[in-house]
C-alpha atoms as a PDB file:
ATOM      1  CA  MET A   1       0.000   0.000   0.000  1.00  0.00           C
ATOM      2  CA  ASN A   2       1.338   3.433  -0.956  1.00  0.00           C
ATOM      3  CA  PRO A   3       1.516   5.602   2.195  1.00  0.00           C
ATOM      4  CA  TYR A   4       1.193   8.940   0.377  1.00  0.00           C
ATOM      5  CA  PRO A   5      -2.037  10.810  -0.403  1.00  0.00           C
ATOM      6  CA  PRO A   6      -3.071  10.668  -4.093  1.00  0.00           C
ATOM      7  CA  SER A   7      -2.057  14.282  -4.846  1.00  0.00           C
ATOM      8  CA  LEU A   8       1.435  13.781  -3.368  1.00  0.00           C
ATOM      9  CA  LYS A   9       1.802  10.435  -5.120  1.00  0.00           C
ATOM     10  CA  LYS A  10       0.894  12.119  -8.421  1.00  0.00           C
ATOM     11  CA  LEU A  11       3.603  14.772  -7.875  1.00  0.00           C
ATOM     12  CA  ILE A  12       6.192  12.065  -7.146  1.00  0.00           C
ATOM     13  CA  VAL A  13       5.252  10.208 -10.334  1.00  0.00           C
ATOM     14  CA  GLU A  14       5.563  13.374 -12.438  1.00  0.00           C
ATOM     15  CA  LEU A  15       8.902  14.379 -10.871  1.00  0.00           C
ATOM     16  CA  SER A  16      10.332  10.879 -11.373  1.00  0.00           C
ATOM     17  CA  LYS A  17       9.892  11.378 -15.134  1.00  0.00           C
ATOM     18  CA  LEU A  18      12.594  14.071 -15.092  1.00  0.00           C
ATOM     19  CA  PRO A  19      16.104  13.034 -16.257  1.00  0.00           C
ATOM     20  CA  GLY A  20      18.293  11.797 -13.416  1.00  0.00           C
ATOM     21  CA  LEU A  21      15.458  11.536 -10.899  1.00  0.00           C
ATOM     22  CA  GLY A  22      14.464   8.110  -9.649  1.00  0.00           C
ATOM     23  CA  GLU A  23      11.547   7.453  -7.317  1.00  0.00           C
ATOM     24  CA  LYS A  24      13.588   8.116  -4.165  1.00  0.00           C
ATOM     25  CA  SER A  25      14.974  11.440  -5.412  1.00  0.00           C
ATOM     26  CA  ALA A  26      11.539  12.442  -6.699  1.00  0.00           C
ATOM     27  CA  THR A  27      10.029  11.641  -3.304  1.00  0.00           C
ATOM     28  CA  ARG A  28      12.612  13.794  -1.480  1.00  0.00           C
ATOM     29  CA  LEU A  29      11.971  16.654  -3.896  1.00  0.00           C
ATOM     30  CA  ALA A  30       8.189  16.314  -3.546  1.00  0.00           C
ATOM     31  CA  LEU A  31       8.433  16.379   0.250  1.00  0.00           C
ATOM     32  CA  HIS A  32      10.696  19.441   0.045  1.00  0.00           C
ATOM     33  CA  ILE A  33       8.094  21.203  -2.131  1.00  0.00           C
ATOM     34  CA  LEU A  34       5.404  20.219   0.361  1.00  0.00           C
ATOM     35  CA  ARG A  35       7.375  21.758   3.251  1.00  0.00           C
ATOM     36  CA  ALA A  36       8.318  24.939   1.347  1.00  0.00           C
ATOM     37  CA  PRO A  37       6.417  28.223   1.898  1.00  0.00           C
ATOM     38  CA  PRO A  38       3.438  28.677  -0.477  1.00  0.00           C
ATOM     39  CA  GLU A  39       5.004  31.727  -2.169  1.00  0.00           C
ATOM     40  CA  GLU A  40       8.181  29.749  -2.983  1.00  0.00           C
ATOM     41  CA  VAL A  41       6.159  26.916  -4.514  1.00  0.00           C
ATOM     42  CA  GLU A  42       4.077  29.414  -6.477  1.00  0.00           C
ATOM     43  CA  ARG A  43       7.245  31.043  -7.887  1.00  0.00           C
ATOM     44  CA  LEU A  44       8.516  27.627  -8.948  1.00  0.00           C
ATOM     45  CA  ALA A  45       5.226  26.704 -10.616  1.00  0.00           C
ATOM     46  CA  ASN A  46       5.003  30.078 -12.377  1.00  0.00           C
ATOM     47  CA  SER A  47       8.590  29.771 -13.605  1.00  0.00           C
ATOM     48  CA  ILE A  48       7.868  26.381 -15.175  1.00  0.00           C
ATOM     49  CA  VAL A  49       4.733  27.668 -16.907  1.00  0.00           C
ATOM     50  CA  ASP A  50       6.498  30.884 -17.994  1.00  0.00           C
ATOM     51  CA  VAL A  51       9.457  29.088 -19.555  1.00  0.00           C
ATOM     52  CA  LYS A  52       7.117  26.862 -21.565  1.00  0.00           C
ATOM     53  CA  LYS A  53       5.222  29.887 -22.833  1.00  0.00           C
ATOM     54  CA  ARG A  54       8.141  32.227 -23.568  1.00  0.00           C
ATOM     55  CA  ILE A  55      11.172  30.166 -24.610  1.00  0.00           C
ATOM     56  CA  ARG A  56      11.552  29.444 -28.321  1.00  0.00           C
ATOM     57  CA  PHE A  57      14.334  28.979 -30.847  1.00  0.00           C
ATOM     58  CA  CYS A  58      15.901  32.086 -32.345  1.00  0.00           C
ATOM     59  CA  SER A  59      14.942  32.184 -36.032  1.00  0.00           C
ATOM     60  CA  ARG A  60      18.492  33.207 -36.969  1.00  0.00           C
ATOM     61  CA  CYS A  61      20.889  31.092 -34.880  1.00  0.00           C
ATOM     62  CA  PHE A  62      18.438  28.556 -33.323  1.00  0.00           C
ATOM     63  CA  ASN A  63      19.612  29.153 -29.781  1.00  0.00           C
ATOM     64  CA  LEU A  64      17.069  29.157 -26.946  1.00  0.00           C
ATOM     65  CA  ALA A  65      15.630  32.645 -26.538  1.00  0.00           C
ATOM     66  CA  ASP A  66      12.713  34.662 -25.232  1.00  0.00           C
ATOM     67  CA  THR A  67      13.142  37.297 -27.974  1.00  0.00           C
ATOM     68  CA  ASP A  68      13.519  36.865 -31.731  1.00  0.00           C
ATOM     69  CA  PRO A  69      16.222  37.341 -32.782  1.00  0.00           C
ATOM     70  CA  CYS A  70      18.010  36.400 -29.572  1.00  0.00           C
ATOM     71  CA  LYS A  71      20.156  38.811 -27.552  1.00  0.00           C
ATOM     72  CA  ILE A  72      23.407  37.418 -28.962  1.00  0.00           C
ATOM     73  CA  CYS A  73      22.234  37.908 -32.549  1.00  0.00           C
ATOM     74  CA  GLN A  74      21.140  41.452 -31.663  1.00  0.00           C
ATOM     75  CA  ASP A  75      24.472  42.318 -30.027  1.00  0.00           C
ATOM     76  CA  MET A  76      26.205  44.758 -32.396  1.00  0.00           C
ATOM     77  CA  SER A  77      29.500  44.459 -30.479  1.00  0.00           C
ATOM     78  CA  ARG A  78      29.961  40.882 -31.665  1.00  0.00           C
ATOM     79  CA  GLU A  79      32.463  40.012 -34.418  1.00  0.00           C
ATOM     80  CA  HIS A  80      30.034  39.790 -37.328  1.00  0.00           C
ATOM     81  CA  GLY A  81      32.443  37.981 -39.643  1.00  0.00           C
ATOM     82  CA  LEU A  82      32.954  35.091 -37.221  1.00  0.00           C
ATOM     83  CA  LEU A  83      30.408  32.294 -36.863  1.00  0.00           C
ATOM     84  CA  CYS A  84      30.718  29.375 -34.430  1.00  0.00           C
ATOM     85  CA  VAL A  85      28.743  26.220 -35.262  1.00  0.00           C
ATOM     86  CA  VAL A  86      27.661  24.041 -32.315  1.00  0.00           C
ATOM     87  CA  GLU A  87      25.389  21.031 -31.815  1.00  0.00           C
ATOM     88  CA  THR A  88      23.074  22.242 -29.044  1.00  0.00           C
ATOM     89  CA  PRO A  89      22.165  25.359 -27.036  1.00  0.00           C
ATOM     90  CA  GLY A  90      23.989  23.769 -24.097  1.00  0.00           C
ATOM     91  CA  ASP A  91      27.245  23.772 -26.089  1.00  0.00           C
ATOM     92  CA  LEU A  92      26.718  27.430 -27.018  1.00  0.00           C
ATOM     93  CA  MET A  93      26.248  28.329 -23.352  1.00  0.00           C
ATOM     94  CA  ALA A  94      29.436  26.466 -22.420  1.00  0.00           C
ATOM     95  CA  ILE A  95      31.477  28.461 -24.947  1.00  0.00           C
ATOM     96  CA  GLU A  96      29.886  31.721 -23.755  1.00  0.00           C
ATOM     97  CA  ARG A  97      30.884  30.898 -20.167  1.00  0.00           C
ATOM     98  CA  SER A  98      34.508  30.483 -21.277  1.00  0.00           C
ATOM     99  CA  GLY A  99      34.651  34.153 -22.293  1.00  0.00           C
ATOM    100  CA  ALA A 100      37.058  33.204 -25.103  1.00  0.00           C
ATOM    101  CA  TYR A 101      34.745  33.777 -28.053  1.00  0.00           C
ATOM    102  CA  HIS A 102      33.050  36.989 -29.194  1.00  0.00           C
ATOM    103  CA  GLY A 103      31.524  36.143 -32.546  1.00  0.00           C
ATOM    104  CA  LYS A 104      28.091  34.854 -33.455  1.00  0.00           C
ATOM    105  CA  TYR A 105      26.678  31.314 -33.313  1.00  0.00           C
ATOM    106  CA  HIS A 106      24.698  28.782 -35.297  1.00  0.00           C
ATOM    107  CA  VAL A 107      23.092  25.826 -33.496  1.00  0.00           C
ATOM    108  CA  LEU A 108      22.650  22.733 -35.679  1.00  0.00           C
ATOM    109  CA  GLN A 109      20.214  21.059 -33.260  1.00  0.00           C
ATOM    110  CA  GLY A 110      22.140  17.776 -33.444  1.00  0.00           C
ATOM    111  CA  VAL A 111      24.656  15.907 -35.590  1.00  0.00           C
ATOM    112  CA  LEU A 112      24.487  13.514 -38.511  1.00  0.00           C
ATOM    113  CA  ALA A 113      23.434  10.014 -37.460  1.00  0.00           C
ATOM    114  CA  PRO A 114      22.385   7.981 -40.528  1.00  0.00           C
ATOM    115  CA  LEU A 115      21.585   4.862 -38.480  1.00  0.00           C
ATOM    116  CA  ASP A 116      19.086   6.921 -36.488  1.00  0.00           C
ATOM    117  CA  GLY A 117      17.635   8.494 -39.606  1.00  0.00           C
ATOM    118  CA  ILE A 118      19.226  11.902 -38.985  1.00  0.00           C
ATOM    119  CA  GLY A 119      20.559  13.357 -42.214  1.00  0.00           C
ATOM    120  CA  PRO A 120      21.471  16.876 -43.402  1.00  0.00           C
ATOM    121  CA  ASP A 121      17.812  17.808 -43.903  1.00  0.00           C
ATOM    122  CA  ASN A 122      17.118  17.093 -40.214  1.00  0.00           C
ATOM    123  CA  LEU A 123      19.688  19.655 -39.054  1.00  0.00           C
ATOM    124  CA  ARG A 124      19.885  23.431 -39.476  1.00  0.00           C
ATOM    125  CA  ILE A 125      22.405  23.156 -42.325  1.00  0.00           C
ATOM    126  CA  LYS A 126      20.300  24.872 -45.003  1.00  0.00           C
ATOM    127  CA  GLU A 127      19.829  27.801 -42.645  1.00  0.00           C
ATOM    128  CA  LEU A 128      23.606  27.900 -42.056  1.00  0.00           C
ATOM    129  CA  LEU A 129      24.284  28.142 -45.788  1.00  0.00           C
ATOM    130  CA  ALA A 130      21.630  30.836 -46.134  1.00  0.00           C
ATOM    131  CA  ARG A 131      23.393  32.893 -43.455  1.00  0.00           C
ATOM    132  CA  LEU A 132      26.633  32.780 -45.439  1.00  0.00           C
ATOM    133  CA  GLU A 133      24.831  34.500 -48.286  1.00  0.00           C
ATOM    134  CA  LYS A 134      23.001  37.063 -46.149  1.00  0.00           C
ATOM    135  CA  GLU A 135      25.768  37.891 -43.647  1.00  0.00           C
ATOM    136  CA  ASP A 136      29.369  38.858 -44.273  1.00  0.00           C
ATOM    137  CA  ILE A 137      30.855  35.686 -42.749  1.00  0.00           C
ATOM    138  CA  GLU A 138      34.625  35.362 -43.153  1.00  0.00           C
ATOM    139  CA  GLU A 139      35.298  32.383 -40.874  1.00  0.00           C
ATOM    140  CA  VAL A 140      33.202  29.474 -39.624  1.00  0.00           C
ATOM    141  CA  VAL A 141      34.456  27.788 -36.457  1.00  0.00           C
ATOM    142  CA  LEU A 142      33.273  24.188 -36.101  1.00  0.00           C
ATOM    143  CA  ALA A 143      32.864  23.544 -32.363  1.00  0.00           C
ATOM    144  CA  LEU A 144      31.262  20.115 -32.485  1.00  0.00           C
ATOM    145  CA  ASN A 145      31.678  17.467 -29.815  1.00  0.00           C
ATOM    146  CA  PRO A 146      34.512  14.957 -30.480  1.00  0.00           C
ATOM    147  CA  SER A 147      32.116  12.042 -30.964  1.00  0.00           C
ATOM    148  CA  PRO A 148      31.699   9.878 -34.088  1.00  0.00           C
ATOM    149  CA  GLY A 149      28.627  11.918 -35.055  1.00  0.00           C
ATOM    150  CA  GLY A 150      30.410  15.193 -34.361  1.00  0.00           C
ATOM    151  CA  GLU A 151      33.431  14.156 -36.425  1.00  0.00           C
ATOM    152  CA  THR A 152      31.263  13.033 -39.341  1.00  0.00           C
ATOM    153  CA  THR A 153      29.294  16.272 -39.256  1.00  0.00           C
ATOM    154  CA  ALA A 154      32.474  18.384 -39.057  1.00  0.00           C
ATOM    155  CA  ILE A 155      33.936  16.715 -42.161  1.00  0.00           C
ATOM    156  CA  TYR A 156      30.639  17.050 -44.031  1.00  0.00           C
ATOM    157  CA  LEU A 157      30.355  20.748 -43.164  1.00  0.00           C
ATOM    158  CA  ALA A 158      34.022  21.443 -43.924  1.00  0.00           C
ATOM    159  CA  ASN A 159      33.605  20.177 -47.482  1.00  0.00           C
ATOM    160  CA  LEU A 160      30.333  22.036 -47.913  1.00  0.00           C
ATOM    161  CA  LEU A 161      31.550  25.347 -46.515  1.00  0.00           C
ATOM    162  CA  LYS A 162      34.881  25.412 -48.323  1.00  0.00           C
ATOM    163  CA  GLU A 163      32.977  25.158 -51.607  1.00  0.00           C
ATOM    164  CA  LYS A 164      31.416  28.479 -50.583  1.00  0.00           C
ATOM    165  CA  GLY A 165      34.835  30.085 -50.278  1.00  0.00           C
ATOM    166  CA  VAL A 166      34.642  30.690 -46.539  1.00  0.00           C
ATOM    167  CA  ARG A 167      37.503  29.951 -44.151  1.00  0.00           C
ATOM    168  CA  VAL A 168      36.688  26.915 -41.995  1.00  0.00           C
ATOM    169  CA  THR A 169      38.450  26.182 -38.707  1.00  0.00           C
ATOM    170  CA  GLN A 170      37.846  23.607 -36.006  1.00  0.00           C
ATOM    171  CA  ILE A 171      38.465  23.915 -32.275  1.00  0.00           C
ATOM    172  CA  ALA A 172      41.501  21.996 -31.029  1.00  0.00           C
ATOM    173  CA  TYR A 173      40.687  18.904 -29.047  1.00  0.00           C
ATOM    174  CA  GLY A 174      41.436  19.932 -25.532  1.00  0.00           C
ATOM    175  CA  ILE A 175      38.042  18.248 -25.119  1.00  0.00           C
ATOM    176  CA  PRO A 176      38.509  14.479 -24.578  1.00  0.00           C
ATOM    177  CA  MET A 177      37.190  12.066 -27.205  1.00  0.00           C
ATOM    178  CA  GLY A 178      33.664  11.105 -26.275  1.00  0.00           C
ATOM    179  CA  GLY A 179      33.341  14.203 -24.052  1.00  0.00           C
ATOM    180  CA  ASP A 180      30.617  16.824 -24.057  1.00  0.00           C
ATOM    181  CA  LEU A 181      31.220  20.570 -24.480  1.00  0.00           C
ATOM    182  CA  LYS A 182      28.651  21.653 -21.921  1.00  0.00           C
ATOM    183  CA  TYR A 183      30.511  19.768 -19.153  1.00  0.00           C
ATOM    184  CA  ALA A 184      33.971  21.091 -20.043  1.00  0.00           C
ATOM    185  CA  ASP A 185      35.669  23.583 -17.716  1.00  0.00           C
ATOM    186  CA  LYS A 186      36.488  27.157 -18.759  1.00  0.00           C
ATOM    187  CA  VAL A 187      40.249  26.634 -19.091  1.00  0.00           C
ATOM    188  CA  THR A 188      39.836  23.604 -21.352  1.00  0.00           C
ATOM    189  CA  LEU A 189      37.426  25.505 -23.599  1.00  0.00           C
ATOM    190  CA  LYS A 190      39.722  28.546 -23.764  1.00  0.00           C
ATOM    191  CA  HIS A 191      42.662  26.379 -24.904  1.00  0.00           C
ATOM    192  CA  ALA A 192      40.462  24.527 -27.384  1.00  0.00           C
ATOM    193  CA  LEU A 193      39.245  27.778 -28.969  1.00  0.00           C
ATOM    194  CA  ALA A 194      42.688  29.427 -28.963  1.00  0.00           C
ATOM    195  CA  GLY A 195      44.264  26.399 -30.645  1.00  0.00           C
ATOM    196  CA  ARG A 196      41.582  25.744 -33.260  1.00  0.00           C
ATOM    197  CA  LEU A 197      42.806  24.076 -36.450  1.00  0.00           C
ATOM    198  CA  GLU A 198      42.219  24.514 -40.143  1.00  0.00           C
ATOM    199  CA  THR A 199      39.681  21.791 -40.916  1.00  0.00           C
ATOM    200  CA  PHE A 200      40.917  19.052 -43.221  1.00  0.00           C
ATOM    201  CA  VAL A 201      38.915  17.967 -46.231  1.00  0.00           C
ATOM    202  CA  SER A 202      41.013  15.250 -47.812  1.00  0.00           C
ATOM    203  CA  GLY A 203      44.330  15.518 -46.072  1.00  0.00           C
ATOM    204  CA  GLU A 204      45.977  16.689 -42.896  1.00  0.00           C
ATOM    205  CA  SER A 205      44.784  19.637 -40.874  1.00  0.00           C
ATOM    206  CA  LYS A 206      47.022  22.569 -40.076  1.00  0.00           C
ATOM    207  CA  LYS A 207      47.020  25.287 -37.454  1.00  0.00           C
ATOM    208  CA  SER A 208      45.144  28.523 -38.173  1.00  0.00           C
END
Protein backbone atom coordinates (compact mmCIF):
# COMPACT_ATOMS: atom_id res chain seq x y z
CA MET A 1 0.00 0.00 0.00
CA ASN A 2 1.34 3.43 -0.96
CA PRO A 3 1.52 5.60 2.20
CA TYR A 4 1.19 8.94 0.38
CA PRO A 5 -2.04 10.81 -0.40
CA PRO A 6 -3.07 10.67 -4.09
CA SER A 7 -2.06 14.28 -4.85
CA LEU A 8 1.43 13.78 -3.37
CA LYS A 9 1.80 10.44 -5.12
CA LYS A 10 0.89 12.12 -8.42
CA LEU A 11 3.60 14.77 -7.88
CA ILE A 12 6.19 12.07 -7.15
CA VAL A 13 5.25 10.21 -10.33
CA GLU A 14 5.56 13.37 -12.44
CA LEU A 15 8.90 14.38 -10.87
CA SER A 16 10.33 10.88 -11.37
CA LYS A 17 9.89 11.38 -15.13
CA LEU A 18 12.59 14.07 -15.09
CA PRO A 19 16.10 13.03 -16.26
CA GLY A 20 18.29 11.80 -13.42
CA LEU A 21 15.46 11.54 -10.90
CA GLY A 22 14.46 8.11 -9.65
CA GLU A 23 11.55 7.45 -7.32
CA LYS A 24 13.59 8.12 -4.16
CA SER A 25 14.97 11.44 -5.41
CA ALA A 26 11.54 12.44 -6.70
CA THR A 27 10.03 11.64 -3.30
CA ARG A 28 12.61 13.79 -1.48
CA LEU A 29 11.97 16.65 -3.90
CA ALA A 30 8.19 16.31 -3.55
CA LEU A 31 8.43 16.38 0.25
CA HIS A 32 10.70 19.44 0.04
CA ILE A 33 8.09 21.20 -2.13
CA LEU A 34 5.40 20.22 0.36
CA ARG A 35 7.37 21.76 3.25
CA ALA A 36 8.32 24.94 1.35
CA PRO A 37 6.42 28.22 1.90
CA PRO A 38 3.44 28.68 -0.48
CA GLU A 39 5.00 31.73 -2.17
CA GLU A 40 8.18 29.75 -2.98
CA VAL A 41 6.16 26.92 -4.51
CA GLU A 42 4.08 29.41 -6.48
CA ARG A 43 7.25 31.04 -7.89
CA LEU A 44 8.52 27.63 -8.95
CA ALA A 45 5.23 26.70 -10.62
CA ASN A 46 5.00 30.08 -12.38
CA SER A 47 8.59 29.77 -13.60
CA ILE A 48 7.87 26.38 -15.17
CA VAL A 49 4.73 27.67 -16.91
CA ASP A 50 6.50 30.88 -17.99
CA VAL A 51 9.46 29.09 -19.56
CA LYS A 52 7.12 26.86 -21.57
CA LYS A 53 5.22 29.89 -22.83
CA ARG A 54 8.14 32.23 -23.57
CA ILE A 55 11.17 30.17 -24.61
CA ARG A 56 11.55 29.44 -28.32
CA PHE A 57 14.33 28.98 -30.85
CA CYS A 58 15.90 32.09 -32.35
CA SER A 59 14.94 32.18 -36.03
CA ARG A 60 18.49 33.21 -36.97
CA CYS A 61 20.89 31.09 -34.88
CA PHE A 62 18.44 28.56 -33.32
CA ASN A 63 19.61 29.15 -29.78
CA LEU A 64 17.07 29.16 -26.95
CA ALA A 65 15.63 32.65 -26.54
CA ASP A 66 12.71 34.66 -25.23
CA THR A 67 13.14 37.30 -27.97
CA ASP A 68 13.52 36.87 -31.73
CA PRO A 69 16.22 37.34 -32.78
CA CYS A 70 18.01 36.40 -29.57
CA LYS A 71 20.16 38.81 -27.55
CA ILE A 72 23.41 37.42 -28.96
CA CYS A 73 22.23 37.91 -32.55
CA GLN A 74 21.14 41.45 -31.66
CA ASP A 75 24.47 42.32 -30.03
CA MET A 76 26.20 44.76 -32.40
CA SER A 77 29.50 44.46 -30.48
CA ARG A 78 29.96 40.88 -31.66
CA GLU A 79 32.46 40.01 -34.42
CA HIS A 80 30.03 39.79 -37.33
CA GLY A 81 32.44 37.98 -39.64
CA LEU A 82 32.95 35.09 -37.22
CA LEU A 83 30.41 32.29 -36.86
CA CYS A 84 30.72 29.37 -34.43
CA VAL A 85 28.74 26.22 -35.26
CA VAL A 86 27.66 24.04 -32.31
CA GLU A 87 25.39 21.03 -31.81
CA THR A 88 23.07 22.24 -29.04
CA PRO A 89 22.16 25.36 -27.04
CA GLY A 90 23.99 23.77 -24.10
CA ASP A 91 27.25 23.77 -26.09
CA LEU A 92 26.72 27.43 -27.02
CA MET A 93 26.25 28.33 -23.35
CA ALA A 94 29.44 26.47 -22.42
CA ILE A 95 31.48 28.46 -24.95
CA GLU A 96 29.89 31.72 -23.75
CA ARG A 97 30.88 30.90 -20.17
CA SER A 98 34.51 30.48 -21.28
CA GLY A 99 34.65 34.15 -22.29
CA ALA A 100 37.06 33.20 -25.10
CA TYR A 101 34.75 33.78 -28.05
CA HIS A 102 33.05 36.99 -29.19
CA GLY A 103 31.52 36.14 -32.55
CA LYS A 104 28.09 34.85 -33.46
CA TYR A 105 26.68 31.31 -33.31
CA HIS A 106 24.70 28.78 -35.30
CA VAL A 107 23.09 25.83 -33.50
CA LEU A 108 22.65 22.73 -35.68
CA GLN A 109 20.21 21.06 -33.26
CA GLY A 110 22.14 17.78 -33.44
CA VAL A 111 24.66 15.91 -35.59
CA LEU A 112 24.49 13.51 -38.51
CA ALA A 113 23.43 10.01 -37.46
CA PRO A 114 22.38 7.98 -40.53
CA LEU A 115 21.59 4.86 -38.48
CA ASP A 116 19.09 6.92 -36.49
CA GLY A 117 17.63 8.49 -39.61
CA ILE A 118 19.23 11.90 -38.98
CA GLY A 119 20.56 13.36 -42.21
CA PRO A 120 21.47 16.88 -43.40
CA ASP A 121 17.81 17.81 -43.90
CA ASN A 122 17.12 17.09 -40.21
CA LEU A 123 19.69 19.66 -39.05
CA ARG A 124 19.88 23.43 -39.48
CA ILE A 125 22.40 23.16 -42.33
CA LYS A 126 20.30 24.87 -45.00
CA GLU A 127 19.83 27.80 -42.64
CA LEU A 128 23.61 27.90 -42.06
CA LEU A 129 24.28 28.14 -45.79
CA ALA A 130 21.63 30.84 -46.13
CA ARG A 131 23.39 32.89 -43.45
CA LEU A 132 26.63 32.78 -45.44
CA GLU A 133 24.83 34.50 -48.29
CA LYS A 134 23.00 37.06 -46.15
CA GLU A 135 25.77 37.89 -43.65
CA ASP A 136 29.37 38.86 -44.27
CA ILE A 137 30.86 35.69 -42.75
CA GLU A 138 34.63 35.36 -43.15
CA GLU A 139 35.30 32.38 -40.87
CA VAL A 140 33.20 29.47 -39.62
CA VAL A 141 34.46 27.79 -36.46
CA LEU A 142 33.27 24.19 -36.10
CA ALA A 143 32.86 23.54 -32.36
CA LEU A 144 31.26 20.11 -32.49
CA ASN A 145 31.68 17.47 -29.81
CA PRO A 146 34.51 14.96 -30.48
CA SER A 147 32.12 12.04 -30.96
CA PRO A 148 31.70 9.88 -34.09
CA GLY A 149 28.63 11.92 -35.06
CA GLY A 150 30.41 15.19 -34.36
CA GLU A 151 33.43 14.16 -36.43
CA THR A 152 31.26 13.03 -39.34
CA THR A 153 29.29 16.27 -39.26
CA ALA A 154 32.47 18.38 -39.06
CA ILE A 155 33.94 16.71 -42.16
CA TYR A 156 30.64 17.05 -44.03
CA LEU A 157 30.36 20.75 -43.16
CA ALA A 158 34.02 21.44 -43.92
CA ASN A 159 33.60 20.18 -47.48
CA LEU A 160 30.33 22.04 -47.91
CA LEU A 161 31.55 25.35 -46.51
CA LYS A 162 34.88 25.41 -48.32
CA GLU A 163 32.98 25.16 -51.61
CA LYS A 164 31.42 28.48 -50.58
CA GLY A 165 34.84 30.09 -50.28
CA VAL A 166 34.64 30.69 -46.54
CA ARG A 167 37.50 29.95 -44.15
CA VAL A 168 36.69 26.92 -41.99
CA THR A 169 38.45 26.18 -38.71
CA GLN A 170 37.85 23.61 -36.01
CA ILE A 171 38.46 23.91 -32.27
CA ALA A 172 41.50 22.00 -31.03
CA TYR A 173 40.69 18.90 -29.05
CA GLY A 174 41.44 19.93 -25.53
CA ILE A 175 38.04 18.25 -25.12
CA PRO A 176 38.51 14.48 -24.58
CA MET A 177 37.19 12.07 -27.21
CA GLY A 178 33.66 11.11 -26.27
CA GLY A 179 33.34 14.20 -24.05
CA ASP A 180 30.62 16.82 -24.06
CA LEU A 181 31.22 20.57 -24.48
CA LYS A 182 28.65 21.65 -21.92
CA TYR A 183 30.51 19.77 -19.15
CA ALA A 184 33.97 21.09 -20.04
CA ASP A 185 35.67 23.58 -17.72
CA LYS A 186 36.49 27.16 -18.76
CA VAL A 187 40.25 26.63 -19.09
CA THR A 188 39.84 23.60 -21.35
CA LEU A 189 37.43 25.51 -23.60
CA LYS A 190 39.72 28.55 -23.76
CA HIS A 191 42.66 26.38 -24.90
CA ALA A 192 40.46 24.53 -27.38
CA LEU A 193 39.25 27.78 -28.97
CA ALA A 194 42.69 29.43 -28.96
CA GLY A 195 44.26 26.40 -30.65
CA ARG A 196 41.58 25.74 -33.26
CA LEU A 197 42.81 24.08 -36.45
CA GLU A 198 42.22 24.51 -40.14
CA THR A 199 39.68 21.79 -40.92
CA PHE A 200 40.92 19.05 -43.22
CA VAL A 201 38.92 17.97 -46.23
CA SER A 202 41.01 15.25 -47.81
CA GLY A 203 44.33 15.52 -46.07
CA GLU A 204 45.98 16.69 -42.90
CA SER A 205 44.78 19.64 -40.87
CA LYS A 206 47.02 22.57 -40.08
CA LYS A 207 47.02 25.29 -37.45
CA SER A 208 45.14 28.52 -38.17
